[in-house]
């Protein structure tokens, strides 16, 4: 009986992943043609995060920005995940919050992309503090739901056991969501880079969810992986489109929610492994800003670190592929730690 249930669950996981992939593959050309027809061109970055002129970045990507590439493509992909999940995989405890995160963060990301297209706002988009405020608000709602509705108040640490945190669960939850959303948004700077890392991360959490008998969550992760592989098909170098903030922020925040759901928070313990590359990208930006503040010069040629490797002569495709490899190896380690340490 248990073997039959497992086979049925694996079939559902495969079917939703395949459905997500093929629906996205078939729908993408129509959405892409719309973006090109109405000229949803992404405006190139001209300023660094601290307001200086982005001279190194401009030189690295001068050829790419000579051709018009549309942004805001991400709407299609998170929308497909939402539609398929509402139709085939809706459960209160396992998919409500990931879907809420996808839609709510996806909307603010879409607004930011539209501002970029129109050349409105700070660095051609919504100002960072406004995006952070919206992310914080959404994360706070999620934290409240986890703590008061689902009863989460502890984390399971591999090789240690359950660690009770009480109401501290709320600020920890908010931090995780803000961190993952911004980390993947920072990583989304080379053709195909974030798409491959997203697919690896959601696939890893899908395996952990299945191992923990969180079937609906595993199906959700599989659906996301299928859709992201279709995204990657069109986004690898040279990219036909950019996902935009509506893609990077929404899937990043949702990955944080999924991590919180995995086996009473064991997913958070292995998040630094499963999302190792985005974490290092974020740290490189923090170190760059701190070093410039303290010493008046740059630590890296350009941050985040994927652009630094471009600046020292690595082709864009080499940076992307090697970062994928690093991400996959560390994610496998994260899955092993998560399964063995689940308790």
C-alpha atoms as a PDB file:
ATOM      1  CA  UNK A   1       0.000   0.000   0.000  1.00  0.00           C
ATOM      2  CA  UNK A   2       2.767   2.458   0.940  1.00  0.00           C
ATOM      3  CA  UNK A   3       4.605   1.655  -2.297  1.00  0.00           C
ATOM      4  CA  UNK A   4       1.456   2.366  -4.294  1.00  0.00           C
ATOM      5  CA  UNK A   5       0.982   5.709  -2.518  1.00  0.00           C
ATOM      6  CA  UNK A   6       4.602   6.643  -3.197  1.00  0.00           C
ATOM      7  CA  UNK A   7       4.226   5.778  -6.874  1.00  0.00           C
ATOM      8  CA  UNK A   8       1.047   7.846  -7.095  1.00  0.00           C
ATOM      9  CA  UNK A   9       2.745  10.817  -5.449  1.00  0.00           C
ATOM     10  CA  UNK A  10       5.774  10.554  -7.730  1.00  0.00           C
ATOM     11  CA  UNK A  11       3.451  10.449 -10.728  1.00  0.00           C
ATOM     12  CA  UNK A  12       1.693  13.632  -9.551  1.00  0.00           C
ATOM     13  CA  UNK A  13       5.026  15.343  -9.037  1.00  0.00           C
ATOM     14  CA  UNK A  14       6.209  14.363 -12.507  1.00  0.00           C
ATOM     15  CA  UNK A  15       2.923  15.325 -14.161  1.00  0.00           C
ATOM     16  CA  UNK A  16       2.805  18.816 -12.641  1.00  0.00           C
ATOM     17  CA  UNK A  17       6.481  19.429 -13.453  1.00  0.00           C
ATOM     18  CA  UNK A  18       5.934  18.309 -17.047  1.00  0.00           C
ATOM     19  CA  UNK A  19       2.731  20.322 -17.323  1.00  0.00           C
ATOM     20  CA  UNK A  20       4.472  23.438 -16.017  1.00  0.00           C
ATOM     21  CA  UNK A  21       7.307  22.998 -18.505  1.00  0.00           C
ATOM     22  CA  UNK A  22       5.180  22.411 -21.590  1.00  0.00           C
ATOM     23  CA  UNK A  23       2.590  25.081 -20.794  1.00  0.00           C
ATOM     24  CA  UNK A  24       5.370  27.620 -20.280  1.00  0.00           C
ATOM     25  CA  UNK A  25       7.241  26.508 -23.418  1.00  0.00           C
ATOM     26  CA  UNK A  26       4.107  26.894 -25.531  1.00  0.00           C
ATOM     27  CA  UNK A  27       3.007  30.191 -23.974  1.00  0.00           C
ATOM     28  CA  UNK A  28       6.377  31.945 -23.934  1.00  0.00           C
ATOM     29  CA  UNK A  29       6.566  32.814 -27.665  1.00  0.00           C
ATOM     30  CA  UNK A  30       3.187  34.565 -27.482  1.00  0.00           C
ATOM     31  CA  UNK A  31       4.179  36.564 -24.391  1.00  0.00           C
ATOM     32  CA  UNK A  32       7.598  37.350 -25.833  1.00  0.00           C
ATOM     33  CA  UNK A  33       6.078  38.617 -29.067  1.00  0.00           C
ATOM     34  CA  UNK A  34       3.814  40.879 -26.998  1.00  0.00           C
ATOM     35  CA  UNK A  35       6.808  42.283 -25.097  1.00  0.00           C
ATOM     36  CA  UNK A  36       8.693  42.970 -28.323  1.00  0.00           C
ATOM     37  CA  UNK A  37       5.664  44.407 -30.103  1.00  0.00           C
ATOM     38  CA  UNK A  38       4.990  46.958 -27.359  1.00  0.00           C
ATOM     39  CA  UNK A  39       8.693  47.622 -26.718  1.00  0.00           C
ATOM     40  CA  UNK A  40       9.022  46.636 -23.066  1.00  0.00           C
ATOM     41  CA  UNK A  41      12.742  47.405 -23.295  1.00  0.00           C
ATOM     42  CA  UNK A  42      14.837  47.132 -20.157  1.00  0.00           C
ATOM     43  CA  UNK A  43      16.774  50.295 -19.370  1.00  0.00           C
ATOM     44  CA  UNK A  44      20.456  49.543 -18.648  1.00  0.00           C
ATOM     45  CA  UNK A  45      21.829  50.297 -15.207  1.00  0.00           C
ATOM     46  CA  UNK A  46      23.724  53.604 -15.155  1.00  0.00           C
ATOM     47  CA  UNK A  47      24.315  53.967 -11.404  1.00  0.00           C
ATOM     48  CA  UNK A  48      25.748  51.711  -8.716  1.00  0.00           C
ATOM     49  CA  UNK A  49      23.844  50.997  -5.510  1.00  0.00           C
ATOM     50  CA  UNK A  50      25.689  53.841  -3.755  1.00  0.00           C
ATOM     51  CA  UNK A  51      24.799  56.348  -6.484  1.00  0.00           C
ATOM     52  CA  UNK A  52      28.088  56.371  -8.427  1.00  0.00           C
ATOM     53  CA  UNK A  53      28.335  55.983 -12.186  1.00  0.00           C
ATOM     54  CA  UNK A  54      28.393  52.300 -13.197  1.00  0.00           C
ATOM     55  CA  UNK A  55      31.354  52.622 -15.561  1.00  0.00           C
ATOM     56  CA  UNK A  56      32.749  49.082 -15.296  1.00  0.00           C
ATOM     57  CA  UNK A  57      29.313  47.486 -15.689  1.00  0.00           C
ATOM     58  CA  UNK A  58      28.609  49.718 -18.685  1.00  0.00           C
ATOM     59  CA  UNK A  59      31.787  48.550 -20.439  1.00  0.00           C
ATOM     60  CA  UNK A  60      31.103  44.873 -19.705  1.00  0.00           C
ATOM     61  CA  UNK A  61      27.587  44.932 -21.138  1.00  0.00           C
ATOM     62  CA  UNK A  62      27.842  47.667 -23.761  1.00  0.00           C
ATOM     63  CA  UNK A  63      27.251  45.248 -26.656  1.00  0.00           C
ATOM     64  CA  UNK A  64      24.278  43.589 -24.955  1.00  0.00           C
ATOM     65  CA  UNK A  65      22.511  46.892 -24.367  1.00  0.00           C
ATOM     66  CA  UNK A  66      22.976  47.954 -27.971  1.00  0.00           C
ATOM     67  CA  UNK A  67      20.128  45.586 -28.828  1.00  0.00           C
ATOM     68  CA  UNK A  68      16.734  46.050 -27.246  1.00  0.00           C
ATOM     69  CA  UNK A  69      15.819  43.252 -24.838  1.00  0.00           C
ATOM     70  CA  UNK A  70      12.405  43.263 -23.145  1.00  0.00           C
ATOM     71  CA  UNK A  71      11.954  42.800 -19.425  1.00  0.00           C
ATOM     72  CA  UNK A  72       8.902  41.874 -17.324  1.00  0.00           C
ATOM     73  CA  UNK A  73       8.787  38.356 -18.818  1.00  0.00           C
ATOM     74  CA  UNK A  74       8.570  36.876 -15.328  1.00  0.00           C
ATOM     75  CA  UNK A  75       4.845  37.601 -15.040  1.00  0.00           C
ATOM     76  CA  UNK A  76       4.063  34.700 -17.357  1.00  0.00           C
ATOM     77  CA  UNK A  77       6.081  32.184 -15.385  1.00  0.00           C
ATOM     78  CA  UNK A  78       4.838  32.870 -11.879  1.00  0.00           C
ATOM     79  CA  UNK A  79       1.307  33.173 -13.282  1.00  0.00           C
ATOM     80  CA  UNK A  80       1.548  29.661 -14.750  1.00  0.00           C
ATOM     81  CA  UNK A  81       2.707  28.289 -11.394  1.00  0.00           C
ATOM     82  CA  UNK A  82      -0.212  30.014  -9.662  1.00  0.00           C
ATOM     83  CA  UNK A  83      -2.820  28.797 -12.168  1.00  0.00           C
ATOM     84  CA  UNK A  84      -1.628  25.172 -12.137  1.00  0.00           C
ATOM     85  CA  UNK A  85      -1.392  25.137  -8.328  1.00  0.00           C
ATOM     86  CA  UNK A  86      -4.875  26.617  -7.868  1.00  0.00           C
ATOM     87  CA  UNK A  87      -6.274  24.033 -10.250  1.00  0.00           C
ATOM     88  CA  UNK A  88      -4.398  20.902  -9.191  1.00  0.00           C
ATOM     89  CA  UNK A  89      -2.478  21.446  -5.939  1.00  0.00           C
ATOM     90  CA  UNK A  90      -4.099  23.786  -3.423  1.00  0.00           C
ATOM     91  CA  UNK A  91      -3.660  22.993   0.282  1.00  0.00           C
ATOM     92  CA  UNK A  92      -3.997  25.354   3.230  1.00  0.00           C
ATOM     93  CA  UNK A  93      -0.883  24.270   5.131  1.00  0.00           C
ATOM     94  CA  UNK A  94       1.550  23.794   2.235  1.00  0.00           C
ATOM     95  CA  UNK A  95       0.712  25.950  -0.788  1.00  0.00           C
ATOM     96  CA  UNK A  96      -1.318  28.947   0.407  1.00  0.00           C
ATOM     97  CA  UNK A  97       1.695  30.923   1.564  1.00  0.00           C
ATOM     98  CA  UNK A  98       4.004  30.152  -1.387  1.00  0.00           C
ATOM     99  CA  UNK A  99       1.214  31.225  -3.764  1.00  0.00           C
ATOM    100  CA  UNK A 100       0.541  34.364  -1.723  1.00  0.00           C
ATOM    101  CA  UNK A 101       4.238  35.216  -1.890  1.00  0.00           C
ATOM    102  CA  UNK A 102       4.456  34.646  -5.648  1.00  0.00           C
ATOM    103  CA  UNK A 103       1.502  36.909  -6.399  1.00  0.00           C
ATOM    104  CA  UNK A 104       2.083  39.703  -3.869  1.00  0.00           C
ATOM    105  CA  UNK A 105       5.811  40.070  -4.544  1.00  0.00           C
ATOM    106  CA  UNK A 106       5.283  39.451  -8.245  1.00  0.00           C
ATOM    107  CA  UNK A 107       2.934  42.443  -8.415  1.00  0.00           C
ATOM    108  CA  UNK A 108       5.371  44.883  -6.791  1.00  0.00           C
ATOM    109  CA  UNK A 109       8.118  43.480  -9.006  1.00  0.00           C
ATOM    110  CA  UNK A 110       5.968  44.098 -12.075  1.00  0.00           C
ATOM    111  CA  UNK A 111       5.420  47.702 -10.986  1.00  0.00           C
ATOM    112  CA  UNK A 112       9.177  48.104 -10.574  1.00  0.00           C
ATOM    113  CA  UNK A 113       9.766  46.651 -14.047  1.00  0.00           C
ATOM    114  CA  UNK A 114       7.190  49.011 -15.521  1.00  0.00           C
ATOM    115  CA  UNK A 115       8.938  51.960 -13.875  1.00  0.00           C
ATOM    116  CA  UNK A 116      12.193  50.725 -15.406  1.00  0.00           C
ATOM    117  CA  UNK A 117      10.610  50.504 -18.854  1.00  0.00           C
ATOM    118  CA  UNK A 118       9.232  54.021 -18.512  1.00  0.00           C
ATOM    119  CA  UNK A 119      12.421  55.387 -16.918  1.00  0.00           C
ATOM    120  CA  UNK A 120      10.620  56.384 -13.701  1.00  0.00           C
ATOM    121  CA  UNK A 121      11.969  56.412 -10.166  1.00  0.00           C
ATOM    122  CA  UNK A 122      15.399  55.974  -8.616  1.00  0.00           C
ATOM    123  CA  UNK A 123      17.878  53.823 -10.545  1.00  0.00           C
ATOM    124  CA  UNK A 124      15.222  53.428 -13.233  1.00  0.00           C
ATOM    125  CA  UNK A 125      12.724  51.660 -11.027  1.00  0.00           C
ATOM    126  CA  UNK A 126      11.023  51.811  -7.645  1.00  0.00           C
ATOM    127  CA  UNK A 127      13.374  53.168  -4.998  1.00  0.00           C
ATOM    128  CA  UNK A 128      15.012  50.459  -2.899  1.00  0.00           C
ATOM    129  CA  UNK A 129      13.421  51.601   0.357  1.00  0.00           C
ATOM    130  CA  UNK A 130       9.935  51.355  -1.132  1.00  0.00           C
ATOM    131  CA  UNK A 131      10.563  47.824  -2.412  1.00  0.00           C
ATOM    132  CA  UNK A 132      11.971  46.797   0.961  1.00  0.00           C
ATOM    133  CA  UNK A 133       8.912  48.242   2.713  1.00  0.00           C
ATOM    134  CA  UNK A 134       6.572  46.176   0.506  1.00  0.00           C
ATOM    135  CA  UNK A 135       8.667  43.039   0.954  1.00  0.00           C
ATOM    136  CA  UNK A 136       8.666  43.625   4.702  1.00  0.00           C
ATOM    137  CA  UNK A 137       4.882  43.982   4.768  1.00  0.00           C
ATOM    138  CA  UNK A 138       4.338  40.756   2.824  1.00  0.00           C
ATOM    139  CA  UNK A 139       6.897  38.906   4.948  1.00  0.00           C
ATOM    140  CA  UNK A 140       5.192  40.174   8.114  1.00  0.00           C
ATOM    141  CA  UNK A 141       1.851  38.759   6.950  1.00  0.00           C
ATOM    142  CA  UNK A 142       3.549  35.429   6.221  1.00  0.00           C
ATOM    143  CA  UNK A 143       5.269  35.437   9.613  1.00  0.00           C
ATOM    144  CA  UNK A 144       1.957  36.084  11.346  1.00  0.00           C
ATOM    145  CA  UNK A 145       0.332  33.196   9.438  1.00  0.00           C
ATOM    146  CA  UNK A 146       3.142  30.787  10.284  1.00  0.00           C
ATOM    147  CA  UNK A 147       3.253  31.732  13.964  1.00  0.00           C
ATOM    148  CA  UNK A 148      -0.416  32.174  14.838  1.00  0.00           C
ATOM    149  CA  UNK A 149      -2.217  30.025  12.258  1.00  0.00           C
ATOM    150  CA  UNK A 150       0.208  27.160  11.652  1.00  0.00           C
ATOM    151  CA  UNK A 151       1.801  27.163  15.105  1.00  0.00           C
ATOM    152  CA  UNK A 152       5.450  27.419  14.027  1.00  0.00           C
ATOM    153  CA  UNK A 153       7.670  28.529  16.923  1.00  0.00           C
ATOM    154  CA  UNK A 154      10.861  26.492  16.536  1.00  0.00           C
ATOM    155  CA  UNK A 155      13.486  25.362  14.048  1.00  0.00           C
ATOM    156  CA  UNK A 156      14.940  21.921  13.610  1.00  0.00           C
ATOM    157  CA  UNK A 157      18.721  22.161  13.405  1.00  0.00           C
ATOM    158  CA  UNK A 158      20.463  19.090  11.887  1.00  0.00           C
ATOM    159  CA  UNK A 159      22.591  17.207  14.452  1.00  0.00           C
ATOM    160  CA  UNK A 160      21.204  19.453  17.223  1.00  0.00           C
ATOM    161  CA  UNK A 161      17.441  19.003  17.305  1.00  0.00           C
ATOM    162  CA  UNK A 162      14.497  21.348  17.768  1.00  0.00           C
ATOM    163  CA  UNK A 163      15.412  24.874  18.791  1.00  0.00           C
ATOM    164  CA  UNK A 164      12.496  26.782  20.363  1.00  0.00           C
ATOM    165  CA  UNK A 165      12.443  30.507  19.507  1.00  0.00           C
ATOM    166  CA  UNK A 166       8.909  31.543  20.464  1.00  0.00           C
ATOM    167  CA  UNK A 167       7.847  34.917  19.095  1.00  0.00           C
ATOM    168  CA  UNK A 168      11.366  35.439  17.722  1.00  0.00           C
ATOM    169  CA  UNK A 169      10.135  33.225  14.895  1.00  0.00           C
ATOM    170  CA  UNK A 170       8.437  36.307  13.404  1.00  0.00           C
ATOM    171  CA  UNK A 171      11.551  38.510  12.890  1.00  0.00           C
ATOM    172  CA  UNK A 172      13.562  35.461  11.772  1.00  0.00           C
ATOM    173  CA  UNK A 173      10.908  34.675   9.168  1.00  0.00           C
ATOM    174  CA  UNK A 174      10.901  38.262   7.911  1.00  0.00           C
ATOM    175  CA  UNK A 175      14.701  38.271   7.658  1.00  0.00           C
ATOM    176  CA  UNK A 176      14.752  35.008   5.673  1.00  0.00           C
ATOM    177  CA  UNK A 177      12.196  36.269   3.153  1.00  0.00           C
ATOM    178  CA  UNK A 178      13.925  39.627   2.680  1.00  0.00           C
ATOM    179  CA  UNK A 179      17.317  37.932   2.382  1.00  0.00           C
ATOM    180  CA  UNK A 180      16.324  35.321  -0.208  1.00  0.00           C
ATOM    181  CA  UNK A 181      14.317  37.781  -2.321  1.00  0.00           C
ATOM    182  CA  UNK A 182      17.152  40.301  -2.483  1.00  0.00           C
ATOM    183  CA  UNK A 183      19.885  37.676  -2.864  1.00  0.00           C
ATOM    184  CA  UNK A 184      18.330  36.189  -5.981  1.00  0.00           C
ATOM    185  CA  UNK A 185      17.509  39.649  -7.307  1.00  0.00           C
ATOM    186  CA  UNK A 186      21.195  40.554  -6.984  1.00  0.00           C
ATOM    187  CA  UNK A 187      22.176  37.268  -8.675  1.00  0.00           C
ATOM    188  CA  UNK A 188      19.876  37.925 -11.633  1.00  0.00           C
ATOM    189  CA  UNK A 189      22.552  39.768 -13.615  1.00  0.00           C
ATOM    190  CA  UNK A 190      23.760  37.330 -16.293  1.00  0.00           C
ATOM    191  CA  UNK A 191      21.809  35.434 -18.929  1.00  0.00           C
ATOM    192  CA  UNK A 192      20.507  32.207 -17.395  1.00  0.00           C
ATOM    193  CA  UNK A 193      22.382  32.548 -14.094  1.00  0.00           C
ATOM    194  CA  UNK A 194      19.488  32.942 -11.668  1.00  0.00           C
ATOM    195  CA  UNK A 195      17.217  30.620 -13.659  1.00  0.00           C
ATOM    196  CA  UNK A 196      19.584  27.685 -13.274  1.00  0.00           C
ATOM    197  CA  UNK A 197      20.193  28.404  -9.587  1.00  0.00           C
ATOM    198  CA  UNK A 198      16.464  28.781  -8.929  1.00  0.00           C
ATOM    199  CA  UNK A 199      15.744  25.427 -10.602  1.00  0.00           C
ATOM    200  CA  UNK A 200      18.429  23.724  -8.503  1.00  0.00           C
ATOM    201  CA  UNK A 201      17.174  25.310  -5.267  1.00  0.00           C
ATOM    202  CA  UNK A 202      13.482  24.525  -5.787  1.00  0.00           C
ATOM    203  CA  UNK A 203      14.380  21.018  -6.954  1.00  0.00           C
ATOM    204  CA  UNK A 204      16.418  20.486  -3.791  1.00  0.00           C
ATOM    205  CA  UNK A 205      13.571  21.619  -1.564  1.00  0.00           C
ATOM    206  CA  UNK A 206      11.194  19.432  -3.554  1.00  0.00           C
ATOM    207  CA  UNK A 207      13.311  16.409  -2.620  1.00  0.00           C
ATOM    208  CA  UNK A 208      13.365  17.465   1.046  1.00  0.00           C
ATOM    209  CA  UNK A 209       9.606  18.000   1.011  1.00  0.00           C
ATOM    210  CA  UNK A 210       9.035  14.542  -0.476  1.00  0.00           C
ATOM    211  CA  UNK A 211      11.370  12.987   2.105  1.00  0.00           C
ATOM    212  CA  UNK A 212       9.359  14.714   4.838  1.00  0.00           C
ATOM    213  CA  UNK A 213       6.031  13.547   3.358  1.00  0.00           C
ATOM    214  CA  UNK A 214       5.019  17.125   2.463  1.00  0.00           C
ATOM    215  CA  UNK A 215       3.569  16.004  -0.841  1.00  0.00           C
ATOM    216  CA  UNK A 216       1.745  19.177  -1.859  1.00  0.00           C
ATOM    217  CA  UNK A 217       4.869  21.226  -1.191  1.00  0.00           C
ATOM    218  CA  UNK A 218       6.960  18.771  -3.216  1.00  0.00           C
ATOM    219  CA  UNK A 219       4.481  19.069  -6.100  1.00  0.00           C
ATOM    220  CA  UNK A 220       4.609  22.863  -5.847  1.00  0.00           C
ATOM    221  CA  UNK A 221       8.417  22.826  -6.041  1.00  0.00           C
ATOM    222  CA  UNK A 222       8.276  20.453  -9.017  1.00  0.00           C
ATOM    223  CA  UNK A 223       5.824  22.761 -10.779  1.00  0.00           C
ATOM    224  CA  UNK A 224       8.174  25.691 -10.230  1.00  0.00           C
ATOM    225  CA  UNK A 225      11.139  23.680 -11.546  1.00  0.00           C
ATOM    226  CA  UNK A 226       9.233  22.732 -14.701  1.00  0.00           C
ATOM    227  CA  UNK A 227       8.259  26.344 -15.357  1.00  0.00           C
ATOM    228  CA  UNK A 228      11.771  27.617 -14.611  1.00  0.00           C
ATOM    229  CA  UNK A 229      13.337  25.136 -17.035  1.00  0.00           C
ATOM    230  CA  UNK A 230      11.088  26.584 -19.738  1.00  0.00           C
ATOM    231  CA  UNK A 231      12.180  30.069 -18.655  1.00  0.00           C
ATOM    232  CA  UNK A 232      15.800  28.978 -18.845  1.00  0.00           C
ATOM    233  CA  UNK A 233      15.287  27.610 -22.358  1.00  0.00           C
ATOM    234  CA  UNK A 234      14.716  31.168 -23.595  1.00  0.00           C
ATOM    235  CA  UNK A 235      16.879  33.042 -21.078  1.00  0.00           C
ATOM    236  CA  UNK A 236      20.245  31.345 -21.611  1.00  0.00           C
ATOM    237  CA  UNK A 237      22.890  33.347 -23.470  1.00  0.00           C
ATOM    238  CA  UNK A 238      22.009  35.269 -25.561  1.00  0.00           C
ATOM    239  CA  UNK A 239      18.800  35.954 -23.639  1.00  0.00           C
ATOM    240  CA  UNK A 240      15.615  36.529 -25.620  1.00  0.00           C
ATOM    241  CA  UNK A 241      14.167  38.417 -22.639  1.00  0.00           C
ATOM    242  CA  UNK A 242      14.787  39.334 -19.008  1.00  0.00           C
ATOM    243  CA  UNK A 243      12.555  38.067 -16.208  1.00  0.00           C
ATOM    244  CA  UNK A 244      12.765  41.348 -14.316  1.00  0.00           C
ATOM    245  CA  UNK A 245      12.051  41.989 -10.648  1.00  0.00           C
ATOM    246  CA  UNK A 246       8.626  40.423 -11.057  1.00  0.00           C
ATOM    247  CA  UNK A 247      10.504  37.167 -11.611  1.00  0.00           C
ATOM    248  CA  UNK A 248      13.589  37.402  -9.369  1.00  0.00           C
ATOM    249  CA  UNK A 249      11.948  38.978  -6.311  1.00  0.00           C
ATOM    250  CA  UNK A 250       8.829  36.796  -6.406  1.00  0.00           C
ATOM    251  CA  UNK A 251      10.598  33.446  -6.849  1.00  0.00           C
ATOM    252  CA  UNK A 252      13.297  34.490  -4.364  1.00  0.00           C
ATOM    253  CA  UNK A 253      10.800  35.374  -1.650  1.00  0.00           C
ATOM    254  CA  UNK A 254       8.826  32.216  -2.388  1.00  0.00           C
ATOM    255  CA  UNK A 255      11.956  30.098  -2.011  1.00  0.00           C
ATOM    256  CA  UNK A 256      12.334  31.595   1.466  1.00  0.00           C
ATOM    257  CA  UNK A 257       8.747  30.640   2.298  1.00  0.00           C
ATOM    258  CA  UNK A 258       9.347  27.098   1.060  1.00  0.00           C
ATOM    259  CA  UNK A 259      12.494  26.870   3.202  1.00  0.00           C
ATOM    260  CA  UNK A 260      10.456  27.880   6.259  1.00  0.00           C
ATOM    261  CA  UNK A 261       7.851  25.209   5.495  1.00  0.00           C
ATOM    262  CA  UNK A 262      10.302  22.324   5.136  1.00  0.00           C
ATOM    263  CA  UNK A 263      10.122  20.020   8.165  1.00  0.00           C
ATOM    264  CA  UNK A 264       9.570  22.646  10.839  1.00  0.00           C
ATOM    265  CA  UNK A 265      12.264  24.954   9.544  1.00  0.00           C
ATOM    266  CA  UNK A 266      15.023  22.463   8.742  1.00  0.00           C
ATOM    267  CA  UNK A 267      14.942  24.043   5.285  1.00  0.00           C
ATOM    268  CA  UNK A 268      16.232  27.288   6.804  1.00  0.00           C
ATOM    269  CA  UNK A 269      19.198  25.484   8.357  1.00  0.00           C
ATOM    270  CA  UNK A 270      20.311  24.220   4.931  1.00  0.00           C
ATOM    271  CA  UNK A 271      19.366  27.409   3.042  1.00  0.00           C
ATOM    272  CA  UNK A 272      22.976  28.729   3.068  1.00  0.00           C
ATOM    273  CA  UNK A 273      23.977  25.537   1.210  1.00  0.00           C
ATOM    274  CA  UNK A 274      21.032  25.314  -1.169  1.00  0.00           C
ATOM    275  CA  UNK A 275      21.266  29.032  -1.997  1.00  0.00           C
ATOM    276  CA  UNK A 276      25.038  29.311  -1.562  1.00  0.00           C
ATOM    277  CA  UNK A 277      25.778  31.302  -4.720  1.00  0.00           C
ATOM    278  CA  UNK A 278      23.097  33.984  -4.127  1.00  0.00           C
ATOM    279  CA  UNK A 279      24.307  34.248  -0.530  1.00  0.00           C
ATOM    280  CA  UNK A 280      27.871  34.871  -1.712  1.00  0.00           C
ATOM    281  CA  UNK A 281      26.638  37.375  -4.290  1.00  0.00           C
ATOM    282  CA  UNK A 282      24.938  39.329  -1.508  1.00  0.00           C
ATOM    283  CA  UNK A 283      27.992  39.171   0.735  1.00  0.00           C
ATOM    284  CA  UNK A 284      30.160  40.478  -2.128  1.00  0.00           C
ATOM    285  CA  UNK A 285      27.925  43.552  -2.438  1.00  0.00           C
ATOM    286  CA  UNK A 286      27.993  44.171   1.324  1.00  0.00           C
ATOM    287  CA  UNK A 287      31.793  43.831   1.428  1.00  0.00           C
ATOM    288  CA  UNK A 288      32.180  46.124  -1.577  1.00  0.00           C
ATOM    289  CA  UNK A 289      30.102  48.870   0.047  1.00  0.00           C
ATOM    290  CA  UNK A 290      31.790  48.467   3.441  1.00  0.00           C
ATOM    291  CA  UNK A 291      35.305  48.465   1.975  1.00  0.00           C
ATOM    292  CA  UNK A 292      34.622  51.581  -0.089  1.00  0.00           C
ATOM    293  CA  UNK A 293      33.119  53.291   2.966  1.00  0.00           C
ATOM    294  CA  UNK A 294      36.118  52.445   5.157  1.00  0.00           C
ATOM    295  CA  UNK A 295      39.009  52.789   2.721  1.00  0.00           C
ATOM    296  CA  UNK A 296      37.635  54.911  -0.136  1.00  0.00           C
ATOM    297  CA  UNK A 297      38.356  52.311  -2.803  1.00  0.00           C
ATOM    298  CA  UNK A 298      36.830  49.156  -4.237  1.00  0.00           C
ATOM    299  CA  UNK A 299      37.500  45.641  -2.961  1.00  0.00           C
ATOM    300  CA  UNK A 300      36.257  44.037  -6.221  1.00  0.00           C
ATOM    301  CA  UNK A 301      36.487  45.487  -9.707  1.00  0.00           C
ATOM    302  CA  UNK A 302      32.687  45.503  -9.718  1.00  0.00           C
ATOM    303  CA  UNK A 303      30.014  43.952  -7.515  1.00  0.00           C
ATOM    304  CA  UNK A 304      28.189  41.600  -7.317  1.00  0.00           C
ATOM    305  CA  UNK A 305      30.939  39.064  -7.744  1.00  0.00           C
ATOM    306  CA  UNK A 306      29.678  37.545 -11.020  1.00  0.00           C
ATOM    307  CA  UNK A 307      30.501  40.871 -12.700  1.00  0.00           C
ATOM    308  CA  UNK A 308      33.935  40.870 -11.047  1.00  0.00           C
ATOM    309  CA  UNK A 309      34.779  37.602 -12.802  1.00  0.00           C
ATOM    310  CA  UNK A 310      33.588  39.110 -16.071  1.00  0.00           C
ATOM    311  CA  UNK A 311      35.832  42.114 -15.433  1.00  0.00           C
ATOM    312  CA  UNK A 312      38.928  39.910 -15.000  1.00  0.00           C
ATOM    313  CA  UNK A 313      38.257  38.277 -18.357  1.00  0.00           C
ATOM    314  CA  UNK A 314      35.868  35.343 -17.884  1.00  0.00           C
ATOM    315  CA  UNK A 315      33.236  35.096 -20.655  1.00  0.00           C
ATOM    316  CA  UNK A 316      29.662  35.503 -19.421  1.00  0.00           C
ATOM    317  CA  UNK A 317      28.814  31.885 -20.267  1.00  0.00           C
ATOM    318  CA  UNK A 318      31.802  30.588 -18.269  1.00  0.00           C
ATOM    319  CA  UNK A 319      30.785  32.573 -15.184  1.00  0.00           C
ATOM    320  CA  UNK A 320      27.211  31.311 -15.459  1.00  0.00           C
ATOM    321  CA  UNK A 321      28.141  27.660 -15.986  1.00  0.00           C
ATOM    322  CA  UNK A 322      30.680  27.565 -13.172  1.00  0.00           C
ATOM    323  CA  UNK A 323      28.280  29.274 -10.770  1.00  0.00           C
ATOM    324  CA  UNK A 324      25.659  26.672 -11.729  1.00  0.00           C
ATOM    325  CA  UNK A 325      28.131  23.897 -10.905  1.00  0.00           C
ATOM    326  CA  UNK A 326      29.018  25.434  -7.547  1.00  0.00           C
ATOM    327  CA  UNK A 327      25.329  25.941  -6.774  1.00  0.00           C
ATOM    328  CA  UNK A 328      24.424  22.360  -7.702  1.00  0.00           C
ATOM    329  CA  UNK A 329      27.237  20.770  -5.680  1.00  0.00           C
ATOM    330  CA  UNK A 330      26.406  22.775  -2.553  1.00  0.00           C
ATOM    331  CA  UNK A 331      22.672  22.151  -3.020  1.00  0.00           C
ATOM    332  CA  UNK A 332      23.247  18.385  -3.126  1.00  0.00           C
ATOM    333  CA  UNK A 333      25.176  18.711   0.116  1.00  0.00           C
ATOM    334  CA  UNK A 334      22.268  20.716   1.533  1.00  0.00           C
ATOM    335  CA  UNK A 335      19.808  17.970   0.582  1.00  0.00           C
ATOM    336  CA  UNK A 336      21.985  15.297   2.204  1.00  0.00           C
ATOM    337  CA  UNK A 337      22.343  17.333   5.404  1.00  0.00           C
ATOM    338  CA  UNK A 338      18.623  18.084   5.403  1.00  0.00           C
ATOM    339  CA  UNK A 339      17.596  14.438   5.023  1.00  0.00           C
ATOM    340  CA  UNK A 340      20.123  12.996   7.468  1.00  0.00           C
ATOM    341  CA  UNK A 341      19.513  15.728  10.010  1.00  0.00           C
ATOM    342  CA  UNK A 342      15.722  15.831   9.768  1.00  0.00           C
ATOM    343  CA  UNK A 343      15.338  13.729  12.899  1.00  0.00           C
END
